[in-house]
Amino acid sequence: MIETVLGPIDSSQLGITQVHEHLLIDLVRNRASRGTTPKDLAKWDHPITLENSADVRRHPDLYRTAERLDSVEDAVAELGLYRAAGGTGLVECTTGGLRRDPLGLREISRRAGVHVVMGSGYYVQEFHPPEIATRSIEEIADDIVKELTVGVDGILAGVIGEIGLKWTAHSDEIKVLRAAARA
C-alpha cells in the first residue's frame, strides 16, 4: 500500500510517477532579494514572463516568484497537463519549515486526478523550524513517525524526505538525517 494525501492506494494504482517534485513550497520565507544593484533589487517583485525567463533561470534568487509556489490553481492546471500526458502519481517532497500545505495538496490531488504522496521531515538548516536546534534526535524521529502515522492536519505523509544537507553539513542537518534514518 502507498499512502497518498487522499488515503492509501494499492501500489498497482500509482502508475507513472514523478518521484521528487514540489507543488506548494516557499523558499523565500521572510528574506529579501539577494540582489545588490538597484537593477537587480527591482527584479524581486517582477512576475516571471517569457521576456525575463532566461534571466530567472540564471538568477532565481533575484525573483520572489521563482522561489515560491503558492497557487493551488496553478498546481491543478500544471498537474492536469501532466495527467493528460499519462502521469498518474507524484511524490511531493516539501517538508516542515518550507510552508508545506497538506490541505492544499489534498485539494490539488483531488481536482487534478493525480495521486500525491506527501513528504515528511526537514530540509536544510536555513529552513528548519527554530525548535529543531533544541530537540533531540529521538524527538525529531518521533515527529517524523507521527507525520507518517497520525498525519499533519489529518493527512498522512507517505515518504520520509526531502532531507537536506549543505556542504559542509550543519550539526542540525546531521541530527535531522539521523532522526530520519531512525524513523
N, C-alpha and C. Protein backbone atom coordinates (compact mmCIF):
# COMPACT_ATOMS: atom_id res chain seq x y z
N MET A 1 0.84 -1.18 0.00
CA MET A 1 0.00 0.00 0.00
C MET A 1 0.88 1.25 0.00
N ILE A 2 0.39 2.28 -0.64
CA ILE A 2 1.08 3.57 -0.69
C ILE A 2 0.14 4.61 -0.10
N GLU A 3 0.68 5.41 0.82
CA GLU A 3 -0.12 6.45 1.47
C GLU A 3 -0.09 7.71 0.61
N THR A 4 -1.27 8.15 0.16
CA THR A 4 -1.38 9.40 -0.58
C THR A 4 -2.16 10.40 0.26
N VAL A 5 -2.21 11.64 -0.19
CA VAL A 5 -2.93 12.66 0.56
C VAL A 5 -4.44 12.43 0.54
N LEU A 6 -4.91 11.54 -0.33
CA LEU A 6 -6.33 11.17 -0.36
C LEU A 6 -6.60 9.84 0.33
N GLY A 7 -5.52 9.23 0.87
CA GLY A 7 -5.67 7.95 1.55
C GLY A 7 -4.84 6.88 0.88
N PRO A 8 -4.81 5.68 1.46
CA PRO A 8 -3.96 4.61 0.93
C PRO A 8 -4.50 4.06 -0.38
N ILE A 9 -3.55 3.69 -1.25
CA ILE A 9 -3.90 3.02 -2.51
C ILE A 9 -2.98 1.82 -2.67
N ASP A 10 -3.40 0.86 -3.46
CA ASP A 10 -2.56 -0.26 -3.80
C ASP A 10 -1.45 0.25 -4.72
N SER A 11 -0.25 -0.27 -4.55
CA SER A 11 0.88 0.20 -5.36
C SER A 11 0.63 0.06 -6.86
N SER A 12 -0.20 -0.87 -7.26
CA SER A 12 -0.50 -1.04 -8.69
C SER A 12 -1.28 0.14 -9.26
N GLN A 13 -1.86 0.97 -8.40
CA GLN A 13 -2.63 2.13 -8.85
C GLN A 13 -1.77 3.36 -9.08
N LEU A 14 -0.54 3.37 -8.60
CA LEU A 14 0.28 4.57 -8.67
C LEU A 14 0.66 4.95 -10.10
N GLY A 15 1.04 3.98 -10.90
CA GLY A 15 1.34 4.25 -12.31
C GLY A 15 2.58 5.10 -12.51
N ILE A 16 2.59 5.87 -13.59
CA ILE A 16 3.72 6.73 -13.95
C ILE A 16 3.84 7.84 -12.91
N THR A 17 5.01 7.91 -12.26
CA THR A 17 5.15 8.77 -11.09
C THR A 17 6.43 9.59 -11.15
N GLN A 18 6.31 10.86 -10.89
CA GLN A 18 7.47 11.74 -10.67
C GLN A 18 7.84 11.59 -9.20
N VAL A 19 9.11 11.29 -8.89
CA VAL A 19 9.46 10.93 -7.52
C VAL A 19 10.05 12.06 -6.68
N HIS A 20 10.23 13.23 -7.24
CA HIS A 20 10.71 14.37 -6.45
C HIS A 20 10.22 15.65 -7.08
N GLU A 21 9.10 16.15 -6.58
CA GLU A 21 8.52 17.38 -7.10
C GLU A 21 8.08 18.26 -5.94
N HIS A 22 7.74 19.51 -6.27
CA HIS A 22 7.20 20.45 -5.29
C HIS A 22 6.01 21.15 -5.95
N LEU A 23 4.84 20.99 -5.34
CA LEU A 23 3.63 21.66 -5.82
C LEU A 23 3.40 22.97 -5.09
N LEU A 24 3.62 22.97 -3.79
CA LEU A 24 3.47 24.15 -2.94
C LEU A 24 4.70 24.21 -2.05
N ILE A 25 5.46 25.30 -2.13
CA ILE A 25 6.71 25.43 -1.37
C ILE A 25 7.06 26.90 -1.25
N ASP A 26 7.76 27.25 -0.19
CA ASP A 26 8.22 28.62 -0.01
C ASP A 26 9.69 28.61 0.37
N LEU A 27 10.55 28.95 -0.58
CA LEU A 27 11.98 29.08 -0.32
C LEU A 27 12.36 30.53 -0.02
N VAL A 28 11.38 31.41 -0.04
CA VAL A 28 11.63 32.83 0.20
C VAL A 28 11.57 33.13 1.69
N ARG A 29 10.52 32.66 2.34
CA ARG A 29 10.24 32.94 3.74
C ARG A 29 10.25 34.45 3.98
N ASN A 30 11.02 34.92 4.92
CA ASN A 30 10.99 36.34 5.26
C ASN A 30 12.18 37.11 4.69
N ARG A 31 12.96 36.50 3.83
CA ARG A 31 14.13 37.20 3.34
C ARG A 31 13.79 38.14 2.19
N ALA A 32 14.67 39.06 1.95
CA ALA A 32 14.53 40.00 0.85
C ALA A 32 15.36 39.50 -0.33
N SER A 33 15.33 40.23 -1.41
CA SER A 33 16.13 39.90 -2.58
C SER A 33 17.60 39.79 -2.21
N ARG A 34 18.29 38.91 -2.91
CA ARG A 34 19.73 38.79 -2.73
C ARG A 34 20.48 39.70 -3.70
N GLY A 35 19.73 40.54 -4.39
CA GLY A 35 20.36 41.48 -5.32
C GLY A 35 21.15 42.55 -4.59
N THR A 36 22.12 43.11 -5.29
CA THR A 36 22.94 44.18 -4.68
C THR A 36 22.85 45.48 -5.46
N THR A 37 22.53 45.43 -6.73
CA THR A 37 22.43 46.65 -7.54
C THR A 37 20.97 47.08 -7.60
N PRO A 38 20.70 48.36 -7.85
CA PRO A 38 19.30 48.80 -7.99
C PRO A 38 18.54 48.01 -9.06
N LYS A 39 19.22 47.69 -10.17
CA LYS A 39 18.58 46.91 -11.24
C LYS A 39 18.17 45.53 -10.74
N ASP A 40 19.08 44.86 -10.02
CA ASP A 40 18.75 43.53 -9.51
C ASP A 40 17.70 43.58 -8.41
N LEU A 41 17.78 44.57 -7.54
CA LEU A 41 16.78 44.70 -6.47
C LEU A 41 15.39 44.91 -7.04
N ALA A 42 15.29 45.59 -8.17
CA ALA A 42 13.98 45.86 -8.79
C ALA A 42 13.32 44.61 -9.34
N LYS A 43 14.08 43.53 -9.54
CA LYS A 43 13.53 42.29 -10.11
C LYS A 43 12.69 41.51 -9.10
N TRP A 44 12.83 41.76 -7.82
CA TRP A 44 12.25 40.95 -6.75
C TRP A 44 10.76 40.72 -6.92
N ASP A 45 10.01 41.75 -7.23
CA ASP A 45 8.56 41.63 -7.32
C ASP A 45 8.04 41.47 -8.75
N HIS A 46 8.94 41.29 -9.72
CA HIS A 46 8.50 41.11 -11.10
C HIS A 46 7.98 39.69 -11.31
N PRO A 47 6.88 39.54 -12.05
CA PRO A 47 6.42 38.19 -12.39
C PRO A 47 7.38 37.56 -13.40
N ILE A 48 7.34 36.25 -13.49
CA ILE A 48 8.13 35.55 -14.49
C ILE A 48 7.38 35.62 -15.81
N THR A 49 8.06 36.07 -16.84
CA THR A 49 7.46 36.21 -18.17
C THR A 49 8.39 35.57 -19.19
N LEU A 50 7.92 35.45 -20.40
CA LEU A 50 8.76 34.93 -21.48
C LEU A 50 9.99 35.83 -21.66
N GLU A 51 9.80 37.14 -21.53
CA GLU A 51 10.89 38.08 -21.74
C GLU A 51 12.01 37.95 -20.70
N ASN A 52 11.68 37.61 -19.46
CA ASN A 52 12.73 37.54 -18.43
C ASN A 52 13.06 36.10 -18.02
N SER A 53 12.50 35.12 -18.70
CA SER A 53 12.67 33.73 -18.27
C SER A 53 14.13 33.27 -18.27
N ALA A 54 14.92 33.73 -19.22
CA ALA A 54 16.34 33.34 -19.23
C ALA A 54 17.05 33.92 -18.01
N ASP A 55 16.76 35.17 -17.67
CA ASP A 55 17.38 35.78 -16.50
C ASP A 55 16.92 35.09 -15.22
N VAL A 56 15.67 34.69 -15.15
CA VAL A 56 15.15 33.98 -13.98
C VAL A 56 15.89 32.65 -13.81
N ARG A 57 16.13 31.94 -14.91
CA ARG A 57 16.86 30.68 -14.82
C ARG A 57 18.30 30.89 -14.33
N ARG A 58 18.92 31.98 -14.76
CA ARG A 58 20.30 32.26 -14.34
C ARG A 58 20.37 32.80 -12.91
N HIS A 59 19.35 33.54 -12.49
CA HIS A 59 19.39 34.23 -11.18
C HIS A 59 18.06 34.07 -10.43
N PRO A 60 17.65 32.84 -10.09
CA PRO A 60 16.34 32.67 -9.46
C PRO A 60 16.22 33.38 -8.11
N ASP A 61 17.34 33.58 -7.42
CA ASP A 61 17.28 34.22 -6.10
C ASP A 61 16.98 35.72 -6.18
N LEU A 62 16.93 36.28 -7.39
CA LEU A 62 16.57 37.69 -7.55
C LEU A 62 15.06 37.88 -7.75
N TYR A 63 14.33 36.78 -7.94
CA TYR A 63 12.89 36.85 -8.23
C TYR A 63 12.11 36.08 -7.16
N ARG A 64 11.29 36.78 -6.43
CA ARG A 64 10.48 36.14 -5.39
C ARG A 64 9.62 35.02 -6.00
N THR A 65 9.04 35.25 -7.15
CA THR A 65 8.14 34.27 -7.76
C THR A 65 8.85 33.01 -8.23
N ALA A 66 10.18 33.06 -8.36
CA ALA A 66 10.92 31.86 -8.78
C ALA A 66 11.18 30.93 -7.62
N GLU A 67 10.99 31.41 -6.40
CA GLU A 67 11.31 30.61 -5.22
C GLU A 67 10.08 30.32 -4.35
N ARG A 68 8.92 30.57 -4.89
CA ARG A 68 7.70 30.32 -4.12
C ARG A 68 6.63 29.79 -5.07
N LEU A 69 6.08 28.64 -4.70
CA LEU A 69 4.91 28.08 -5.40
C LEU A 69 3.78 28.08 -4.37
N ASP A 70 2.78 28.93 -4.58
CA ASP A 70 1.73 29.04 -3.57
C ASP A 70 0.32 29.05 -4.14
N SER A 71 0.19 28.69 -5.40
CA SER A 71 -1.11 28.72 -6.05
C SER A 71 -1.66 27.30 -6.28
N VAL A 72 -2.72 26.99 -5.57
CA VAL A 72 -3.41 25.71 -5.80
C VAL A 72 -3.92 25.66 -7.24
N GLU A 73 -4.45 26.78 -7.72
CA GLU A 73 -4.99 26.81 -9.09
C GLU A 73 -3.91 26.50 -10.13
N ASP A 74 -2.73 27.11 -9.98
CA ASP A 74 -1.65 26.84 -10.93
C ASP A 74 -1.21 25.38 -10.85
N ALA A 75 -1.12 24.84 -9.64
CA ALA A 75 -0.71 23.45 -9.48
C ALA A 75 -1.71 22.50 -10.11
N VAL A 76 -3.00 22.77 -9.94
CA VAL A 76 -4.04 21.94 -10.55
C VAL A 76 -3.91 21.99 -12.08
N ALA A 77 -3.69 23.18 -12.63
CA ALA A 77 -3.56 23.31 -14.07
C ALA A 77 -2.33 22.55 -14.59
N GLU A 78 -1.18 22.70 -13.91
CA GLU A 78 0.04 22.00 -14.33
C GLU A 78 -0.11 20.49 -14.22
N LEU A 79 -0.72 20.03 -13.12
CA LEU A 79 -0.92 18.59 -12.97
C LEU A 79 -1.93 18.05 -13.98
N GLY A 80 -2.85 18.90 -14.40
CA GLY A 80 -3.77 18.50 -15.45
C GLY A 80 -3.03 18.17 -16.74
N LEU A 81 -2.02 18.98 -17.06
CA LEU A 81 -1.19 18.71 -18.24
C LEU A 81 -0.40 17.41 -18.06
N TYR A 82 0.12 17.23 -16.85
CA TYR A 82 0.86 16.01 -16.53
C TYR A 82 -0.04 14.79 -16.68
N ARG A 83 -1.25 14.89 -16.16
CA ARG A 83 -2.23 13.80 -16.25
C ARG A 83 -2.57 13.50 -17.71
N ALA A 84 -2.76 14.57 -18.50
CA ALA A 84 -3.09 14.38 -19.92
C ALA A 84 -1.96 13.69 -20.68
N ALA A 85 -0.73 13.86 -20.21
CA ALA A 85 0.43 13.22 -20.84
C ALA A 85 0.67 11.80 -20.32
N GLY A 86 -0.19 11.34 -19.41
CA GLY A 86 -0.08 9.97 -18.91
C GLY A 86 0.40 9.83 -17.48
N GLY A 87 0.77 10.94 -16.82
CA GLY A 87 1.24 10.88 -15.44
C GLY A 87 0.09 10.61 -14.49
N THR A 88 0.35 9.76 -13.51
CA THR A 88 -0.71 9.42 -12.56
C THR A 88 -0.30 9.58 -11.10
N GLY A 89 0.99 9.76 -10.82
CA GLY A 89 1.45 9.88 -9.44
C GLY A 89 2.56 10.90 -9.31
N LEU A 90 2.71 11.41 -8.09
CA LEU A 90 3.74 12.41 -7.83
C LEU A 90 4.12 12.35 -6.35
N VAL A 91 5.42 12.35 -6.07
CA VAL A 91 5.91 12.42 -4.70
C VAL A 91 6.27 13.87 -4.43
N GLU A 92 5.55 14.50 -3.52
CA GLU A 92 5.71 15.92 -3.19
C GLU A 92 6.63 16.02 -1.99
N CYS A 93 7.85 16.52 -2.21
CA CYS A 93 8.90 16.46 -1.20
C CYS A 93 9.03 17.72 -0.34
N THR A 94 8.03 18.57 -0.31
CA THR A 94 8.08 19.74 0.56
C THR A 94 7.86 19.28 1.99
N THR A 95 8.80 19.62 2.86
CA THR A 95 8.76 19.15 4.24
C THR A 95 8.52 20.31 5.21
N GLY A 96 8.54 19.99 6.49
CA GLY A 96 8.35 21.00 7.52
C GLY A 96 9.36 22.13 7.39
N GLY A 97 8.93 23.35 7.61
CA GLY A 97 9.78 24.52 7.50
C GLY A 97 9.75 25.18 6.14
N LEU A 98 9.13 24.52 5.15
CA LEU A 98 9.03 25.07 3.80
C LEU A 98 7.59 25.45 3.47
N ARG A 99 6.82 25.70 4.51
CA ARG A 99 5.39 26.03 4.42
C ARG A 99 4.61 24.96 3.66
N ARG A 100 4.86 23.73 4.03
CA ARG A 100 4.10 22.61 3.47
C ARG A 100 2.62 22.85 3.75
N ASP A 101 1.78 22.49 2.80
CA ASP A 101 0.34 22.74 2.91
C ASP A 101 -0.41 21.44 2.61
N PRO A 102 -0.57 20.57 3.61
CA PRO A 102 -1.24 19.29 3.37
C PRO A 102 -2.66 19.44 2.81
N LEU A 103 -3.43 20.39 3.31
CA LEU A 103 -4.80 20.56 2.81
C LEU A 103 -4.79 21.04 1.36
N GLY A 104 -3.83 21.90 1.02
CA GLY A 104 -3.69 22.33 -0.38
C GLY A 104 -3.30 21.16 -1.27
N LEU A 105 -2.41 20.30 -0.77
CA LEU A 105 -2.01 19.12 -1.55
C LEU A 105 -3.19 18.19 -1.79
N ARG A 106 -4.01 18.03 -0.76
CA ARG A 106 -5.20 17.18 -0.91
C ARG A 106 -6.13 17.74 -1.98
N GLU A 107 -6.34 19.05 -1.95
CA GLU A 107 -7.22 19.68 -2.95
C GLU A 107 -6.64 19.53 -4.36
N ILE A 108 -5.35 19.75 -4.49
CA ILE A 108 -4.70 19.63 -5.80
C ILE A 108 -4.85 18.20 -6.33
N SER A 109 -4.58 17.22 -5.49
CA SER A 109 -4.68 15.82 -5.90
C SER A 109 -6.09 15.48 -6.34
N ARG A 110 -7.06 15.88 -5.52
CA ARG A 110 -8.46 15.57 -5.83
C ARG A 110 -8.88 16.20 -7.15
N ARG A 111 -8.57 17.48 -7.33
CA ARG A 111 -9.02 18.20 -8.53
C ARG A 111 -8.28 17.79 -9.79
N ALA A 112 -6.99 17.45 -9.66
CA ALA A 112 -6.19 17.10 -10.83
C ALA A 112 -6.30 15.62 -11.19
N GLY A 113 -6.77 14.80 -10.26
CA GLY A 113 -6.87 13.37 -10.52
C GLY A 113 -5.52 12.68 -10.57
N VAL A 114 -4.56 13.19 -9.78
CA VAL A 114 -3.22 12.61 -9.71
C VAL A 114 -2.95 12.21 -8.27
N HIS A 115 -2.40 11.01 -8.07
CA HIS A 115 -2.04 10.56 -6.72
C HIS A 115 -0.84 11.37 -6.23
N VAL A 116 -0.96 11.98 -5.05
CA VAL A 116 0.12 12.78 -4.48
C VAL A 116 0.53 12.15 -3.15
N VAL A 117 1.82 11.87 -3.03
CA VAL A 117 2.41 11.34 -1.80
C VAL A 117 3.14 12.50 -1.13
N MET A 118 2.79 12.79 0.13
CA MET A 118 3.37 13.91 0.86
C MET A 118 4.64 13.49 1.60
N GLY A 119 5.64 14.37 1.58
CA GLY A 119 6.90 14.13 2.27
C GLY A 119 6.86 14.51 3.73
N SER A 120 7.84 14.00 4.49
CA SER A 120 7.95 14.22 5.92
C SER A 120 9.41 14.50 6.26
N GLY A 121 9.64 15.29 7.30
CA GLY A 121 10.99 15.57 7.76
C GLY A 121 11.30 17.05 7.63
N TYR A 122 12.59 17.35 7.45
CA TYR A 122 13.06 18.74 7.39
C TYR A 122 14.18 18.85 6.39
N TYR A 123 14.19 19.94 5.66
CA TYR A 123 15.19 20.23 4.63
C TYR A 123 16.46 20.80 5.30
N VAL A 124 17.18 21.66 4.65
CA VAL A 124 18.44 22.20 5.20
C VAL A 124 18.19 23.16 6.35
N GLN A 125 19.22 23.40 7.16
CA GLN A 125 19.12 24.16 8.40
C GLN A 125 18.49 25.54 8.21
N GLU A 126 18.77 26.19 7.12
CA GLU A 126 18.22 27.52 6.84
C GLU A 126 16.68 27.52 6.92
N PHE A 127 16.06 26.38 6.65
CA PHE A 127 14.61 26.28 6.63
C PHE A 127 14.04 25.47 7.79
N HIS A 128 14.87 25.07 8.72
CA HIS A 128 14.36 24.34 9.88
C HIS A 128 13.54 25.26 10.78
N PRO A 129 12.47 24.74 11.36
CA PRO A 129 11.79 25.49 12.41
C PRO A 129 12.77 25.70 13.57
N PRO A 130 12.67 26.81 14.30
CA PRO A 130 13.65 27.10 15.37
C PRO A 130 13.81 25.99 16.39
N GLU A 131 12.74 25.25 16.68
CA GLU A 131 12.82 24.22 17.73
C GLU A 131 13.72 23.05 17.36
N ILE A 132 14.07 22.88 16.10
CA ILE A 132 14.96 21.78 15.71
C ILE A 132 16.30 21.90 16.45
N ALA A 133 16.75 23.12 16.67
CA ALA A 133 18.04 23.33 17.32
C ALA A 133 18.09 22.76 18.74
N THR A 134 16.96 22.71 19.41
CA THR A 134 16.95 22.26 20.81
C THR A 134 16.37 20.85 20.98
N ARG A 135 15.87 20.27 19.93
CA ARG A 135 15.27 18.94 20.03
C ARG A 135 16.31 17.86 19.83
N SER A 136 16.06 16.72 20.42
CA SER A 136 16.97 15.57 20.29
C SER A 136 16.66 14.79 19.01
N ILE A 137 17.57 13.92 18.65
CA ILE A 137 17.35 13.02 17.51
C ILE A 137 16.08 12.22 17.74
N GLU A 138 15.89 11.70 18.94
CA GLU A 138 14.72 10.89 19.25
C GLU A 138 13.43 11.69 19.10
N GLU A 139 13.43 12.93 19.56
CA GLU A 139 12.23 13.76 19.44
C GLU A 139 11.89 14.07 17.99
N ILE A 140 12.91 14.36 17.20
CA ILE A 140 12.68 14.64 15.78
C ILE A 140 12.20 13.36 15.07
N ALA A 141 12.80 12.22 15.39
CA ALA A 141 12.35 10.95 14.82
C ALA A 141 10.89 10.69 15.18
N ASP A 142 10.52 10.98 16.42
CA ASP A 142 9.12 10.82 16.84
C ASP A 142 8.19 11.72 16.02
N ASP A 143 8.64 12.95 15.74
CA ASP A 143 7.84 13.87 14.91
C ASP A 143 7.61 13.29 13.52
N ILE A 144 8.67 12.75 12.94
CA ILE A 144 8.57 12.17 11.59
C ILE A 144 7.63 10.97 11.60
N VAL A 145 7.78 10.11 12.57
CA VAL A 145 6.89 8.95 12.68
C VAL A 145 5.44 9.40 12.85
N LYS A 146 5.24 10.44 13.65
CA LYS A 146 3.87 10.96 13.85
C LYS A 146 3.28 11.46 12.53
N GLU A 147 4.09 12.13 11.68
CA GLU A 147 3.59 12.59 10.39
C GLU A 147 3.19 11.41 9.50
N LEU A 148 3.87 10.28 9.67
CA LEU A 148 3.58 9.09 8.88
C LEU A 148 2.41 8.28 9.42
N THR A 149 2.13 8.40 10.73
CA THR A 149 1.12 7.54 11.35
C THR A 149 -0.13 8.28 11.81
N VAL A 150 0.03 9.53 12.21
CA VAL A 150 -1.10 10.36 12.67
C VAL A 150 -1.44 11.42 11.63
N GLY A 151 -0.39 11.98 11.02
CA GLY A 151 -0.59 12.94 9.96
C GLY A 151 -0.35 14.38 10.37
N VAL A 152 -0.48 15.25 9.39
CA VAL A 152 -0.40 16.69 9.55
C VAL A 152 -1.73 17.22 9.02
N ASP A 153 -2.47 17.92 9.87
CA ASP A 153 -3.83 18.37 9.51
C ASP A 153 -4.68 17.18 9.07
N GLY A 154 -4.43 16.01 9.68
CA GLY A 154 -5.22 14.82 9.37
C GLY A 154 -4.79 14.10 8.10
N ILE A 155 -3.71 14.55 7.47
CA ILE A 155 -3.24 13.95 6.22
C ILE A 155 -1.90 13.27 6.49
N LEU A 156 -1.83 11.98 6.15
CA LEU A 156 -0.62 11.22 6.43
C LEU A 156 0.45 11.45 5.37
N ALA A 157 1.71 11.62 5.83
CA ALA A 157 2.84 11.61 4.91
C ALA A 157 3.05 10.17 4.45
N GLY A 158 3.58 10.02 3.25
CA GLY A 158 3.81 8.68 2.70
C GLY A 158 5.26 8.37 2.43
N VAL A 159 6.14 9.34 2.70
CA VAL A 159 7.57 9.15 2.44
C VAL A 159 8.35 10.07 3.37
N ILE A 160 9.54 9.64 3.75
CA ILE A 160 10.44 10.50 4.51
C ILE A 160 11.34 11.21 3.51
N GLY A 161 11.32 12.52 3.53
CA GLY A 161 12.16 13.32 2.64
C GLY A 161 11.36 14.47 2.08
N GLU A 162 12.03 15.43 1.74
CA GLU A 162 13.39 15.66 1.35
C GLU A 162 14.20 16.10 2.58
N ILE A 163 15.21 15.33 2.89
CA ILE A 163 16.13 15.64 3.98
C ILE A 163 17.37 16.24 3.33
N GLY A 164 17.75 17.44 3.77
CA GLY A 164 18.83 18.13 3.09
C GLY A 164 20.07 18.35 3.94
N LEU A 165 21.22 18.32 3.28
CA LEU A 165 22.49 18.66 3.91
C LEU A 165 23.26 19.56 2.95
N LYS A 166 23.76 20.65 3.48
CA LYS A 166 24.62 21.52 2.68
C LYS A 166 26.07 21.08 2.87
N TRP A 167 26.96 21.63 2.04
CA TRP A 167 28.39 21.38 2.23
C TRP A 167 28.98 22.63 2.84
N THR A 168 29.45 22.54 3.96
CA THR A 168 29.59 21.50 4.95
C THR A 168 28.31 21.42 5.77
N ALA A 169 27.94 20.20 6.12
CA ALA A 169 26.67 19.98 6.80
C ALA A 169 26.66 20.65 8.17
N HIS A 170 25.54 21.32 8.45
CA HIS A 170 25.30 21.92 9.76
C HIS A 170 24.98 20.80 10.76
N SER A 171 25.33 20.98 12.00
CA SER A 171 25.08 19.93 13.01
C SER A 171 23.59 19.59 13.11
N ASP A 172 22.71 20.58 12.93
CA ASP A 172 21.27 20.29 12.97
C ASP A 172 20.83 19.46 11.75
N GLU A 173 21.49 19.65 10.61
CA GLU A 173 21.17 18.83 9.43
C GLU A 173 21.57 17.37 9.68
N ILE A 174 22.70 17.17 10.30
CA ILE A 174 23.13 15.81 10.63
C ILE A 174 22.16 15.18 11.63
N LYS A 175 21.71 15.98 12.59
CA LYS A 175 20.74 15.50 13.58
C LYS A 175 19.44 15.08 12.89
N VAL A 176 18.96 15.89 11.95
CA VAL A 176 17.73 15.56 11.22
C VAL A 176 17.93 14.32 10.36
N LEU A 177 19.08 14.19 9.71
CA LEU A 177 19.36 13.00 8.90
C LEU A 177 19.34 11.75 9.78
N ARG A 178 19.96 11.82 10.94
CA ARG A 178 19.96 10.66 11.85
C ARG A 178 18.54 10.35 12.34
N ALA A 179 17.78 11.40 12.60
CA ALA A 179 16.40 11.20 13.04
C ALA A 179 15.57 10.56 11.94
N ALA A 180 15.77 10.99 10.70
CA ALA A 180 15.03 10.41 9.57
C ALA A 180 15.39 8.94 9.42
N ALA A 181 16.68 8.61 9.56
CA ALA A 181 17.10 7.20 9.46
C ALA A 181 16.47 6.39 10.60
N ARG A 182 16.43 6.95 11.77
CA ARG A 182 15.84 6.26 12.92
C ARG A 182 14.33 6.07 12.69
N ALA A 183 13.68 7.09 12.17
CA ALA A 183 12.23 6.99 11.93
C ALA A 183 11.94 5.91 10.91
